Amino acid sequence: MSGPADGFRHILIGYARVSTADQNPDHQIDALLRAGVDRDNIHVDTASGAKASRPKLDFVMQLLREGDTLKVTRLDRLSCSVLHLVILGADPVRLGTRLAGGWPFSAVCPRW
């Protein structure tokens, strides 16, 4: 099986977050599915956005490879802190990945 012309895998990885177990992430999951993210590539945390370390987000950051795109429905799902967004962006820039956030995923930041 041959890969894309540029040699990168180009996987869409989705991340959703709710702050409490009382909240329902289904609308975020549905939006990620409509944006082309495979259900198996959607990862959901139940944790405050103020927490720097979240199990699924940590896992997603390890999954990202050059050519991949991380999709979130809104940037505040990724982090509530601008400083944390900058810190999160350090590895993806090095890896050559992209972030697509906001509805309808119009805020695409090449190489973050």
PDB file of N, CA and C in Angstrom:
ATOM      1  N   MET A   1       0.845  -1.178   0.000  1.00  0.00           N
ATOM      2  CA  MET A   1       0.000   0.000   0.000  1.00  0.00           C
ATOM      3  C   MET A   1       0.889   1.240   0.000  1.00  0.00           C
ATOM      4  N   SER A   2       0.620   2.153  -0.895  1.00  0.00           N
ATOM      5  CA  SER A   2       1.436   3.363  -0.953  1.00  0.00           C
ATOM      6  C   SER A   2       0.760   4.489  -0.188  1.00  0.00           C
ATOM      7  N   GLY A   3       1.565   5.395   0.369  1.00  0.00           N
ATOM      8  CA  GLY A   3       1.056   6.520   1.146  1.00  0.00           C
ATOM      9  C   GLY A   3       0.793   7.716   0.252  1.00  0.00           C
ATOM     10  N   PRO A   4       0.447   8.841   0.847  1.00  0.00           N
ATOM     11  CA  PRO A   4       0.225  10.060   0.075  1.00  0.00           C
ATOM     12  C   PRO A   4       1.491  10.467  -0.674  1.00  0.00           C
ATOM     13  N   ALA A   5       1.310  11.319  -1.660  1.00  0.00           N
ATOM     14  CA  ALA A   5       2.429  11.741  -2.502  1.00  0.00           C
ATOM     15  C   ALA A   5       3.560  12.368  -1.699  1.00  0.00           C
ATOM     16  N   ASP A   6       3.234  13.053  -0.597  1.00  0.00           N
ATOM     17  CA  ASP A   6       4.285  13.699   0.182  1.00  0.00           C
ATOM     18  C   ASP A   6       4.927  12.758   1.192  1.00  0.00           C
ATOM     19  N   GLY A   7       4.425  11.523   1.301  1.00  0.00           N
ATOM     20  CA  GLY A   7       5.017  10.535   2.193  1.00  0.00           C
ATOM     21  C   GLY A   7       4.491  10.547   3.609  1.00  0.00           C
ATOM     22  N   PHE A   8       3.595  11.486   3.945  1.00  0.00           N
ATOM     23  CA  PHE A   8       3.041  11.551   5.290  1.00  0.00           C
ATOM     24  C   PHE A   8       1.689  10.866   5.333  1.00  0.00           C
ATOM     25  N   ARG A   9       1.241  10.494   6.520  1.00  0.00           N
ATOM     26  CA  ARG A   9       0.030   9.681   6.627  1.00  0.00           C
ATOM     27  C   ARG A   9      -1.279  10.468   6.636  1.00  0.00           C
ATOM     28  N   HIS A  10      -1.307  11.736   7.046  1.00  0.00           N
ATOM     29  CA  HIS A  10      -2.492  12.595   7.000  1.00  0.00           C
ATOM     30  C   HIS A  10      -3.713  12.022   7.716  1.00  0.00           C
ATOM     31  N   ILE A  11      -3.572  11.668   8.974  1.00  0.00           N
ATOM     32  CA  ILE A  11      -4.692  11.157   9.762  1.00  0.00           C
ATOM     33  C   ILE A  11      -5.362  12.323  10.485  1.00  0.00           C
ATOM     34  N   LEU A  12      -6.696  12.305  10.493  1.00  0.00           N
ATOM     35  CA  LEU A  12      -7.458  13.278  11.272  1.00  0.00           C
ATOM     36  C   LEU A  12      -7.681  12.682  12.651  1.00  0.00           C
ATOM     37  N   ILE A  13      -7.258  13.391  13.675  1.00  0.00           N
ATOM     38  CA  ILE A  13      -7.431  12.946  15.053  1.00  0.00           C
ATOM     39  C   ILE A  13      -8.306  13.973  15.752  1.00  0.00           C
ATOM     40  N   GLY A  14      -9.385  13.516  16.382  1.00  0.00           N
ATOM     41  CA  GLY A  14     -10.311  14.408  17.049  1.00  0.00           C
ATOM     42  C   GLY A  14     -10.144  14.368  18.550  1.00  0.00           C
ATOM     43  N   TYR A  15     -10.311  15.540  19.169  1.00  0.00           N
ATOM     44  CA  TYR A  15     -10.252  15.625  20.627  1.00  0.00           C
ATOM     45  C   TYR A  15     -11.465  16.404  21.111  1.00  0.00           C
ATOM     46  N   ALA A  16     -12.161  15.838  22.092  1.00  0.00           N
ATOM     47  CA  ALA A  16     -13.310  16.496  22.712  1.00  0.00           C
ATOM     48  C   ALA A  16     -13.104  16.481  24.221  1.00  0.00           C
ATOM     49  N   ARG A  17     -13.696  17.485  24.880  1.00  0.00           N
ATOM     50  CA  ARG A  17     -13.576  17.544  26.335  1.00  0.00           C
ATOM     51  C   ARG A  17     -14.829  18.131  26.935  1.00  0.00           C
ATOM     52  N   VAL A  18     -15.274  17.521  28.036  1.00  0.00           N
ATOM     53  CA  VAL A  18     -16.308  18.097  28.881  1.00  0.00           C
ATOM     54  C   VAL A  18     -15.697  18.249  30.266  1.00  0.00           C
ATOM     55  N   SER A  19     -16.182  19.215  31.009  1.00  0.00           N
ATOM     56  CA  SER A  19     -15.593  19.510  32.315  1.00  0.00           C
ATOM     57  C   SER A  19     -16.053  18.569  33.414  1.00  0.00           C
ATOM     58  N   THR A  20     -17.299  18.082  33.321  1.00  0.00           N
ATOM     59  CA  THR A  20     -17.840  17.213  34.365  1.00  0.00           C
ATOM     60  C   THR A  20     -18.561  16.027  33.751  1.00  0.00           C
ATOM     61  N   ALA A  21     -18.752  15.007  34.547  1.00  0.00           N
ATOM     62  CA  ALA A  21     -19.459  13.807  34.082  1.00  0.00           C
ATOM     63  C   ALA A  21     -20.925  14.099  33.773  1.00  0.00           C
ATOM     64  N   ASP A  22     -21.463  15.198  34.302  1.00  0.00           N
ATOM     65  CA  ASP A  22     -22.847  15.593  34.023  1.00  0.00           C
ATOM     66  C   ASP A  22     -23.015  16.144  32.612  1.00  0.00           C
ATOM     67  N   GLN A  23     -21.926  16.561  32.003  1.00  0.00           N
ATOM     68  CA  GLN A  23     -21.983  17.122  30.657  1.00  0.00           C
ATOM     69  C   GLN A  23     -21.877  16.014  29.618  1.00  0.00           C
ATOM     70  N   ASN A  24     -22.458  16.253  28.448  1.00  0.00           N
ATOM     71  CA  ASN A  24     -22.500  15.266  27.391  1.00  0.00           C
ATOM     72  C   ASN A  24     -21.639  15.729  26.205  1.00  0.00           C
ATOM     73  N   PRO A  25     -20.654  14.923  25.797  1.00  0.00           N
ATOM     74  CA  PRO A  25     -19.783  15.316  24.681  1.00  0.00           C
ATOM     75  C   PRO A  25     -20.340  14.963  23.303  1.00  0.00           C
ATOM     76  N   ASP A  26     -21.572  14.436  23.239  1.00  0.00           N
ATOM     77  CA  ASP A  26     -22.103  13.942  21.963  1.00  0.00           C
ATOM     78  C   ASP A  26     -22.099  14.987  20.851  1.00  0.00           C
ATOM     79  N   HIS A  27     -22.421  16.254  21.164  1.00  0.00           N
ATOM     80  CA  HIS A  27     -22.443  17.267  20.101  1.00  0.00           C
ATOM     81  C   HIS A  27     -21.037  17.504  19.540  1.00  0.00           C
ATOM     82  N   GLN A  28     -20.021  17.407  20.397  1.00  0.00           N
ATOM     83  CA  GLN A  28     -18.644  17.549  19.917  1.00  0.00           C
ATOM     84  C   GLN A  28     -18.258  16.354  19.048  1.00  0.00           C
ATOM     85  N   ILE A  29     -18.629  15.162  19.507  1.00  0.00           N
ATOM     86  CA  ILE A  29     -18.322  13.940  18.747  1.00  0.00           C
ATOM     87  C   ILE A  29     -19.006  13.979  17.386  1.00  0.00           C
ATOM     88  N   ASP A  30     -20.286  14.367  17.362  1.00  0.00           N
ATOM     89  CA  ASP A  30     -21.017  14.462  16.092  1.00  0.00           C
ATOM     90  C   ASP A  30     -20.349  15.451  15.141  1.00  0.00           C
ATOM     91  N   ALA A  31     -19.919  16.598  15.671  1.00  0.00           N
ATOM     92  CA  ALA A  31     -19.259  17.598  14.827  1.00  0.00           C
ATOM     93  C   ALA A  31     -17.938  17.062  14.269  1.00  0.00           C
ATOM     94  N   LEU A  32     -17.185  16.343  15.086  1.00  0.00           N
ATOM     95  CA  LEU A  32     -15.921  15.763  14.621  1.00  0.00           C
ATOM     96  C   LEU A  32     -16.169  14.711  13.547  1.00  0.00           C
ATOM     97  N   LEU A  33     -17.213  13.899  13.723  1.00  0.00           N
ATOM     98  CA  LEU A  33     -17.570  12.907  12.703  1.00  0.00           C
ATOM     99  C   LEU A  33     -17.947  13.600  11.392  1.00  0.00           C
ATOM    100  N   ARG A  34     -18.748  14.662  11.478  1.00  0.00           N
ATOM    101  CA  ARG A  34     -19.146  15.401  10.267  1.00  0.00           C
ATOM    102  C   ARG A  34     -17.939  16.053   9.596  1.00  0.00           C
ATOM    103  N   ALA A  35     -16.909  16.355  10.379  1.00  0.00           N
ATOM    104  CA  ALA A  35     -15.698  16.973   9.832  1.00  0.00           C
ATOM    105  C   ALA A  35     -14.741  15.939   9.239  1.00  0.00           C
ATOM    106  N   GLY A  36     -15.151  14.670   9.257  1.00  0.00           N
ATOM    107  CA  GLY A  36     -14.344  13.643   8.604  1.00  0.00           C
ATOM    108  C   GLY A  36     -13.453  12.820   9.506  1.00  0.00           C
ATOM    109  N   VAL A  37     -13.539  13.031  10.816  1.00  0.00           N
ATOM    110  CA  VAL A  37     -12.712  12.258  11.743  1.00  0.00           C
ATOM    111  C   VAL A  37     -13.368  10.893  11.953  1.00  0.00           C
ATOM    112  N   ASP A  38     -12.601   9.834  11.801  1.00  0.00           N
ATOM    113  CA  ASP A  38     -13.089   8.477  12.032  1.00  0.00           C
ATOM    114  C   ASP A  38     -13.411   8.303  13.520  1.00  0.00           C
ATOM    115  N   ARG A  39     -14.497   7.613  13.824  1.00  0.00           N
ATOM    116  CA  ARG A  39     -14.916   7.428  15.217  1.00  0.00           C
ATOM    117  C   ARG A  39     -13.791   6.847  16.077  1.00  0.00           C
ATOM    118  N   ASP A  40     -12.991   5.948  15.513  1.00  0.00           N
ATOM    119  CA  ASP A  40     -11.885   5.352  16.270  1.00  0.00           C
ATOM    120  C   ASP A  40     -10.773   6.353  16.584  1.00  0.00           C
ATOM    121  N   ASN A  41     -10.781   7.495  15.914  1.00  0.00           N
ATOM    122  CA  ASN A  41      -9.750   8.512  16.125  1.00  0.00           C
ATOM    123  C   ASN A  41     -10.260   9.711  16.922  1.00  0.00           C
ATOM    124  N   ILE A  42     -11.402   9.539  17.607  1.00  0.00           N
ATOM    125  CA  ILE A  42     -11.935  10.596  18.465  1.00  0.00           C
ATOM    126  C   ILE A  42     -11.680  10.206  19.911  1.00  0.00           C
ATOM    127  N   HIS A  43     -11.071  11.129  20.657  1.00  0.00           N
ATOM    128  CA  HIS A  43     -10.693  10.869  22.043  1.00  0.00           C
ATOM    129  C   HIS A  43     -11.341  11.927  22.927  1.00  0.00           C
ATOM    130  N   VAL A  44     -11.975  11.473  24.022  1.00  0.00           N
ATOM    131  CA  VAL A  44     -12.757  12.360  24.881  1.00  0.00           C
ATOM    132  C   VAL A  44     -12.236  12.314  26.320  1.00  0.00           C
ATOM    133  N   ASP A  45     -12.011  13.492  26.887  1.00  0.00           N
ATOM    134  CA  ASP A  45     -11.649  13.629  28.295  1.00  0.00           C
ATOM    135  C   ASP A  45     -12.828  14.220  29.057  1.00  0.00           C
ATOM    136  N   THR A  46     -12.964  13.823  30.308  1.00  0.00           N
ATOM    137  CA  THR A  46     -13.862  14.488  31.255  1.00  0.00           C
ATOM    138  C   THR A  46     -12.950  15.095  32.306  1.00  0.00           C
ATOM    139  N   ALA A  47     -12.642  16.377  32.104  1.00  0.00           N
ATOM    140  CA  ALA A  47     -11.701  17.069  32.988  1.00  0.00           C
ATOM    141  C   ALA A  47     -11.779  18.559  32.730  1.00  0.00           C
ATOM    142  N   SER A  48     -11.374  19.324  33.687  1.00  0.00           N
ATOM    143  CA  SER A  48     -11.332  20.774  33.545  1.00  0.00           C
ATOM    144  C   SER A  48     -10.314  21.166  32.473  1.00  0.00           C
ATOM    145  N   GLY A  49     -10.651  22.187  31.698  1.00  0.00           N
ATOM    146  CA  GLY A  49      -9.717  22.692  30.693  1.00  0.00           C
ATOM    147  C   GLY A  49      -8.520  23.390  31.307  1.00  0.00           C
ATOM    148  N   ALA A  50      -8.619  23.673  32.599  1.00  0.00           N
ATOM    149  CA  ALA A  50      -7.501  24.329  33.286  1.00  0.00           C
ATOM    150  C   ALA A  50      -6.396  23.337  33.644  1.00  0.00           C
ATOM    151  N   LYS A  51      -6.723  22.052  33.625  1.00  0.00           N
ATOM    152  CA  LYS A  51      -5.706  21.032  33.928  1.00  0.00           C
ATOM    153  C   LYS A  51      -4.756  20.893  32.752  1.00  0.00           C
ATOM    154  N   ALA A  52      -3.485  20.972  33.017  1.00  0.00           N
ATOM    155  CA  ALA A  52      -2.492  20.851  31.947  1.00  0.00           C
ATOM    156  C   ALA A  52      -2.378  19.417  31.461  1.00  0.00           C
ATOM    157  N   SER A  53      -2.569  18.460  32.341  1.00  0.00           N
ATOM    158  CA  SER A  53      -2.432  17.055  31.963  1.00  0.00           C
ATOM    159  C   SER A  53      -3.792  16.374  32.034  1.00  0.00           C
ATOM    160  N   ARG A  54      -4.200  15.826  30.885  1.00  0.00           N
ATOM    161  CA  ARG A  54      -5.445  15.072  30.794  1.00  0.00           C
ATOM    162  C   ARG A  54      -5.128  13.783  30.037  1.00  0.00           C
ATOM    163  N   PRO A  55      -5.596  12.630  30.529  1.00  0.00           N
ATOM    164  CA  PRO A  55      -5.185  11.343  29.946  1.00  0.00           C
ATOM    165  C   PRO A  55      -5.371  11.236  28.438  1.00  0.00           C
ATOM    166  N   LYS A  56      -6.546  11.582  27.930  1.00  0.00           N
ATOM    167  CA  LYS A  56      -6.784  11.437  26.486  1.00  0.00           C
ATOM    168  C   LYS A  56      -6.013  12.474  25.682  1.00  0.00           C
ATOM    169  N   LEU A  57      -5.902  13.687  26.200  1.00  0.00           N
ATOM    170  CA  LEU A  57      -5.116  14.702  25.496  1.00  0.00           C
ATOM    171  C   LEU A  57      -3.649  14.294  25.446  1.00  0.00           C
ATOM    172  N   ASP A  58      -3.134  13.780  26.554  1.00  0.00           N
ATOM    173  CA  ASP A  58      -1.749  13.293  26.568  1.00  0.00           C
ATOM    174  C   ASP A  58      -1.554  12.197  25.523  1.00  0.00           C
ATOM    175  N   PHE A  59      -2.535  11.291  25.425  1.00  0.00           N
ATOM    176  CA  PHE A  59      -2.470  10.199  24.447  1.00  0.00           C
ATOM    177  C   PHE A  59      -2.503  10.746  23.020  1.00  0.00           C
ATOM    178  N   VAL A  60      -3.401  11.709  22.764  1.00  0.00           N
ATOM    179  CA  VAL A  60      -3.510  12.311  21.432  1.00  0.00           C
ATOM    180  C   VAL A  60      -2.196  12.972  21.038  1.00  0.00           C
ATOM    181  N   MET A  61      -1.582  13.679  21.961  1.00  0.00           N
ATOM    182  CA  MET A  61      -0.327  14.354  21.648  1.00  0.00           C
ATOM    183  C   MET A  61       0.774  13.354  21.306  1.00  0.00           C
ATOM    184  N   GLN A  62       0.694  12.159  21.884  1.00  0.00           N
ATOM    185  CA  GLN A  62       1.666  11.109  21.544  1.00  0.00           C
ATOM    186  C   GLN A  62       1.366  10.483  20.182  1.00  0.00           C
ATOM    187  N   LEU A  63       0.088  10.475  19.794  1.00  0.00           N
ATOM    188  CA  LEU A  63      -0.315   9.884  18.512  1.00  0.00           C
ATOM    189  C   LEU A  63       0.098  10.732  17.308  1.00  0.00           C
ATOM    190  N   LEU A  64       0.112  12.045  17.468  1.00  0.00           N
ATOM    191  CA  LEU A  64       0.347  12.948  16.336  1.00  0.00           C
ATOM    192  C   LEU A  64       1.682  12.698  15.650  1.00  0.00           C
ATOM    193  N   ARG A  65       1.612  12.601  14.335  1.00  0.00           N
ATOM    194  CA  ARG A  65       2.803  12.439  13.499  1.00  0.00           C
ATOM    195  C   ARG A  65       2.748  13.471  12.382  1.00  0.00           C
ATOM    196  N   GLU A  66       3.869  13.686  11.740  1.00  0.00           N
ATOM    197  CA  GLU A  66       3.934  14.657  10.660  1.00  0.00           C
ATOM    198  C   GLU A  66       2.864  14.374   9.616  1.00  0.00           C
ATOM    199  N   GLY A  67       2.156  15.430   9.229  1.00  0.00           N
ATOM    200  CA  GLY A  67       1.092  15.314   8.240  1.00  0.00           C
ATOM    201  C   GLY A  67      -0.291  15.149   8.846  1.00  0.00           C
ATOM    202  N   ASP A  68      -0.383  14.819  10.144  1.00  0.00           N
ATOM    203  CA  ASP A  68      -1.679  14.641  10.806  1.00  0.00           C
ATOM    204  C   ASP A  68      -2.322  15.988  11.115  1.00  0.00           C
ATOM    205  N   THR A  69      -3.633  15.959  11.347  1.00  0.00           N
ATOM    206  CA  THR A  69      -4.374  17.137  11.771  1.00  0.00           C
ATOM    207  C   THR A  69      -5.161  16.805  13.026  1.00  0.00           C
ATOM    208  N   LEU A  70      -4.991  17.624  14.053  1.00  0.00           N
ATOM    209  CA  LEU A  70      -5.778  17.505  15.275  1.00  0.00           C
ATOM    210  C   LEU A  70      -6.981  18.425  15.141  1.00  0.00           C
ATOM    211  N   LYS A  71      -8.196  17.873  15.265  1.00  0.00           N
ATOM    212  CA  LYS A  71      -9.415  18.669  15.145  1.00  0.00           C
ATOM    213  C   LYS A  71     -10.110  18.755  16.492  1.00  0.00           C
ATOM    214  N   VAL A  72     -10.528  19.952  16.819  1.00  0.00           N
ATOM    215  CA  VAL A  72     -11.339  20.213  18.003  1.00  0.00           C
ATOM    216  C   VAL A  72     -12.490  21.108  17.555  1.00  0.00           C
ATOM    217  N   THR A  73     -13.617  21.025  18.264  1.00  0.00           N
ATOM    218  CA  THR A  73     -14.761  21.844  17.863  1.00  0.00           C
ATOM    219  C   THR A  73     -14.556  23.305  18.217  1.00  0.00           C
ATOM    220  N   ARG A  74     -13.854  23.556  19.304  1.00  0.00           N
ATOM    221  CA  ARG A  74     -13.508  24.915  19.734  1.00  0.00           C
ATOM    222  C   ARG A  74     -12.170  24.842  20.444  1.00  0.00           C
ATOM    223  N   LEU A  75     -11.385  25.893  20.342  1.00  0.00           N
ATOM    224  CA  LEU A  75     -10.070  25.877  20.979  1.00  0.00           C
ATOM    225  C   LEU A  75     -10.152  25.750  22.491  1.00  0.00           C
ATOM    226  N   ASP A  76     -11.251  26.207  23.099  1.00  0.00           N
ATOM    227  CA  ASP A  76     -11.359  26.080  24.556  1.00  0.00           C
ATOM    228  C   ASP A  76     -11.576  24.634  24.998  1.00  0.00           C
ATOM    229  N   ARG A  77     -11.878  23.753  24.059  1.00  0.00           N
ATOM    230  CA  ARG A  77     -11.952  22.323  24.379  1.00  0.00           C
ATOM    231  C   ARG A  77     -10.546  21.772  24.560  1.00  0.00           C
ATOM    232  N   LEU A  78      -9.588  22.372  23.881  1.00  0.00           N
ATOM    233  CA  LEU A  78      -8.194  21.948  23.984  1.00  0.00           C
ATOM    234  C   LEU A  78      -7.542  22.525  25.235  1.00  0.00           C
ATOM    235  N   SER A  79      -7.803  23.801  25.499  1.00  0.00           N
ATOM    236  CA  SER A  79      -7.257  24.439  26.692  1.00  0.00           C
ATOM    237  C   SER A  79      -7.984  25.744  26.950  1.00  0.00           C
ATOM    238  N   CYS A  80      -8.112  26.099  28.219  1.00  0.00           N
ATOM    239  CA  CYS A  80      -8.703  27.387  28.610  1.00  0.00           C
ATOM    240  C   CYS A  80      -7.629  28.443  28.796  1.00  0.00           C
ATOM    241  N   SER A  81      -6.379  28.080  28.617  1.00  0.00           N
ATOM    242  CA  SER A  81      -5.266  28.982  28.865  1.00  0.00           C
ATOM    243  C   SER A  81      -4.464  29.192  27.586  1.00  0.00           C
ATOM    244  N   VAL A  82      -4.235  30.455  27.242  1.00  0.00           N
ATOM    245  CA  VAL A  82      -3.411  30.758  26.072  1.00  0.00           C
ATOM    246  C   VAL A  82      -2.005  30.197  26.258  1.00  0.00           C
ATOM    247  N   LEU A  83      -1.463  30.330  27.459  1.00  0.00           N
ATOM    248  CA  LEU A  83      -0.127  29.804  27.741  1.00  0.00           C
ATOM    249  C   LEU A  83      -0.093  28.288  27.497  1.00  0.00           C
ATOM    250  N   HIS A  84      -1.110  27.568  27.959  1.00  0.00           N
ATOM    251  CA  HIS A  84      -1.140  26.118  27.740  1.00  0.00           C
ATOM    252  C   HIS A  84      -1.252  25.792  26.249  1.00  0.00           C
ATOM    253  N   LEU A  85      -2.027  26.589  25.493  1.00  0.00           N
ATOM    254  CA  LEU A  85      -2.106  26.374  24.042  1.00  0.00           C
ATOM    255  C   LEU A  85      -0.736  26.532  23.384  1.00  0.00           C
ATOM    256  N   VAL A  86       0.020  27.523  23.829  1.00  0.00           N
ATOM    257  CA  VAL A  86       1.373  27.735  23.293  1.00  0.00           C
ATOM    258  C   VAL A  86       2.260  26.541  23.625  1.00  0.00           C
ATOM    259  N   ILE A  87       2.184  26.075  24.870  1.00  0.00           N
ATOM    260  CA  ILE A  87       2.983  24.919  25.282  1.00  0.00           C
ATOM    261  C   ILE A  87       2.580  23.685  24.494  1.00  0.00           C
ATOM    262  N   LEU A  88       1.257  23.476  24.328  1.00  0.00           N
ATOM    263  CA  LEU A  88       0.784  22.337  23.545  1.00  0.00           C
ATOM    264  C   LEU A  88       1.268  22.410  22.102  1.00  0.00           C
ATOM    265  N   GLY A  89       1.411  23.623  21.581  1.00  0.00           N
ATOM    266  CA  GLY A  89       1.807  23.801  20.193  1.00  0.00           C
ATOM    267  C   GLY A  89       3.264  23.514  19.901  1.00  0.00           C
ATOM    268  N   ALA A  90       4.102  23.413  20.908  1.00  0.00           N
ATOM    269  CA  ALA A  90       5.539  23.224  20.688  1.00  0.00           C
ATOM    270  C   ALA A  90       5.842  21.920  19.963  1.00  0.00           C
ATOM    271  N   ASP A  91       5.315  20.806  20.425  1.00  0.00           N
ATOM    272  CA  ASP A  91       5.592  19.522  19.771  1.00  0.00           C
ATOM    273  C   ASP A  91       4.974  19.429  18.384  1.00  0.00           C
ATOM    274  N   PRO A  92       3.702  19.809  18.199  1.00  0.00           N
ATOM    275  CA  PRO A  92       3.144  19.723  16.849  1.00  0.00           C
ATOM    276  C   PRO A  92       3.902  20.546  15.822  1.00  0.00           C
ATOM    277  N   VAL A  93       4.413  21.706  16.201  1.00  0.00           N
ATOM    278  CA  VAL A  93       5.204  22.501  15.260  1.00  0.00           C
ATOM    279  C   VAL A  93       6.427  21.707  14.833  1.00  0.00           C
ATOM    280  N   ARG A  94       7.088  21.104  15.809  1.00  0.00           N
ATOM    281  CA  ARG A  94       8.270  20.299  15.507  1.00  0.00           C
ATOM    282  C   ARG A  94       7.894  19.107  14.631  1.00  0.00           C
ATOM    283  N   LEU A  95       6.713  18.543  14.868  1.00  0.00           N
ATOM    284  CA  LEU A  95       6.290  17.353  14.136  1.00  0.00           C
ATOM    285  C   LEU A  95       5.704  17.669  12.764  1.00  0.00           C
ATOM    286  N   GLY A  96       5.353  18.923  12.514  1.00  0.00           N
ATOM    287  CA  GLY A  96       4.748  19.269  11.226  1.00  0.00           C
ATOM    288  C   GLY A  96       3.284  18.882  11.149  1.00  0.00           C
ATOM    289  N   THR A  97       2.568  18.918  12.275  1.00  0.00           N
ATOM    290  CA  THR A  97       1.142  18.618  12.268  1.00  0.00           C
ATOM    291  C   THR A  97       0.349  19.917  12.209  1.00  0.00           C
ATOM    292  N   ARG A  98      -0.986  19.780  12.082  1.00  0.00           N
ATOM    293  CA  ARG A  98      -1.858  20.951  11.989  1.00  0.00           C
ATOM    294  C   ARG A  98      -2.946  20.870  13.048  1.00  0.00           C
ATOM    295  N   LEU A  99      -3.487  22.024  13.417  1.00  0.00           N
ATOM    296  CA  LEU A  99      -4.613  22.114  14.333  1.00  0.00           C
ATOM    297  C   LEU A  99      -5.765  22.758  13.598  1.00  0.00           C
ATOM    298  N   ALA A 100      -6.933  22.140  13.660  1.00  0.00           N
ATOM    299  CA  ALA A 100      -8.151  22.726  13.099  1.00  0.00           C
ATOM    300  C   ALA A 100      -9.144  22.843  14.230  1.00  0.00           C
ATOM    301  N   GLY A 101      -9.509  24.076  14.573  1.00  0.00           N
ATOM    302  CA  GLY A 101     -10.431  24.282  15.679  1.00  0.00           C
ATOM    303  C   GLY A 101     -11.456  25.325  15.343  1.00  0.00           C
ATOM    304  N   GLY A 102     -12.594  25.217  15.970  1.00  0.00           N
ATOM    305  CA  GLY A 102     -13.675  26.163  15.751  1.00  0.00           C
ATOM    306  C   GLY A 102     -14.679  25.617  14.757  1.00  0.00           C
ATOM    307  N   TRP A 103     -15.861  26.103  14.841  1.00  0.00           N
ATOM    308  CA  TRP A 103     -16.929  25.636  13.952  1.00  0.00           C
ATOM    309  C   TRP A 103     -17.106  26.641  12.851  1.00  0.00           C
ATOM    310  N   PRO A 104     -17.176  26.309  11.605  1.00  0.00           N
ATOM    311  CA  PRO A 104     -17.062  24.937  11.091  1.00  0.00           C
ATOM    312  C   PRO A 104     -15.637  24.573  10.712  1.00  0.00           C
ATOM    313  N   PHE A 105     -14.791  24.472  11.665  1.00  0.00           N
ATOM    314  CA  PHE A 105     -13.388  24.111  11.489  1.00  0.00           C
ATOM    315  C   PHE A 105     -12.686  25.060  10.536  1.00  0.00           C
ATOM    316  N   SER A 106     -13.042  26.335  10.615  1.00  0.00           N
ATOM    317  CA  SER A 106     -12.460  27.319   9.700  1.00  0.00           C
ATOM    318  C   SER A 106     -11.146  27.886  10.221  1.00  0.00           C
ATOM    319  N   ALA A 107     -10.896  27.708  11.505  1.00  0.00           N
ATOM    320  CA  ALA A 107      -9.666  28.266  12.082  1.00  0.00           C
ATOM    321  C   ALA A 107      -8.544  27.250  11.975  1.00  0.00           C
ATOM    322  N   VAL A 108      -8.074  27.007  10.780  1.00  0.00           N
ATOM    323  CA  VAL A 108      -7.000  26.041  10.559  1.00  0.00           C
ATOM    324  C   VAL A 108      -5.680  26.774  10.629  1.00  0.00           C
ATOM    325  N   CYS A 109      -4.824  26.312  11.505  1.00  0.00           N
ATOM    326  CA  CYS A 109      -3.531  26.959  11.714  1.00  0.00           C
ATOM    327  C   CYS A 109      -2.428  26.023  11.208  1.00  0.00           C
ATOM    328  N   PRO A 110      -1.929  26.204   9.986  1.00  0.00           N
ATOM    329  CA  PRO A 110      -0.851  25.341   9.513  1.00  0.00           C
ATOM    330  C   PRO A 110       0.322  25.390  10.466  1.00  0.00           C
ATOM    331  N   ARG A 111       0.771  24.230  10.818  1.00  0.00           N
ATOM    332  CA  ARG A 111       1.891  24.089  11.756  1.00  0.00           C
ATOM    333  C   ARG A 111       1.667  24.875  13.038  1.00  0.00           C
ATOM    334  N   TRP A 112       0.407  25.037  13.424  1.00  0.00           N
ATOM    335  CA  TRP A 112      -0.032  25.722  14.640  1.00  0.00           C
ATOM    336  C   TRP A 112       0.468  27.126  14.615  1.00  0.00           C
TER     337      TRP A 112
END
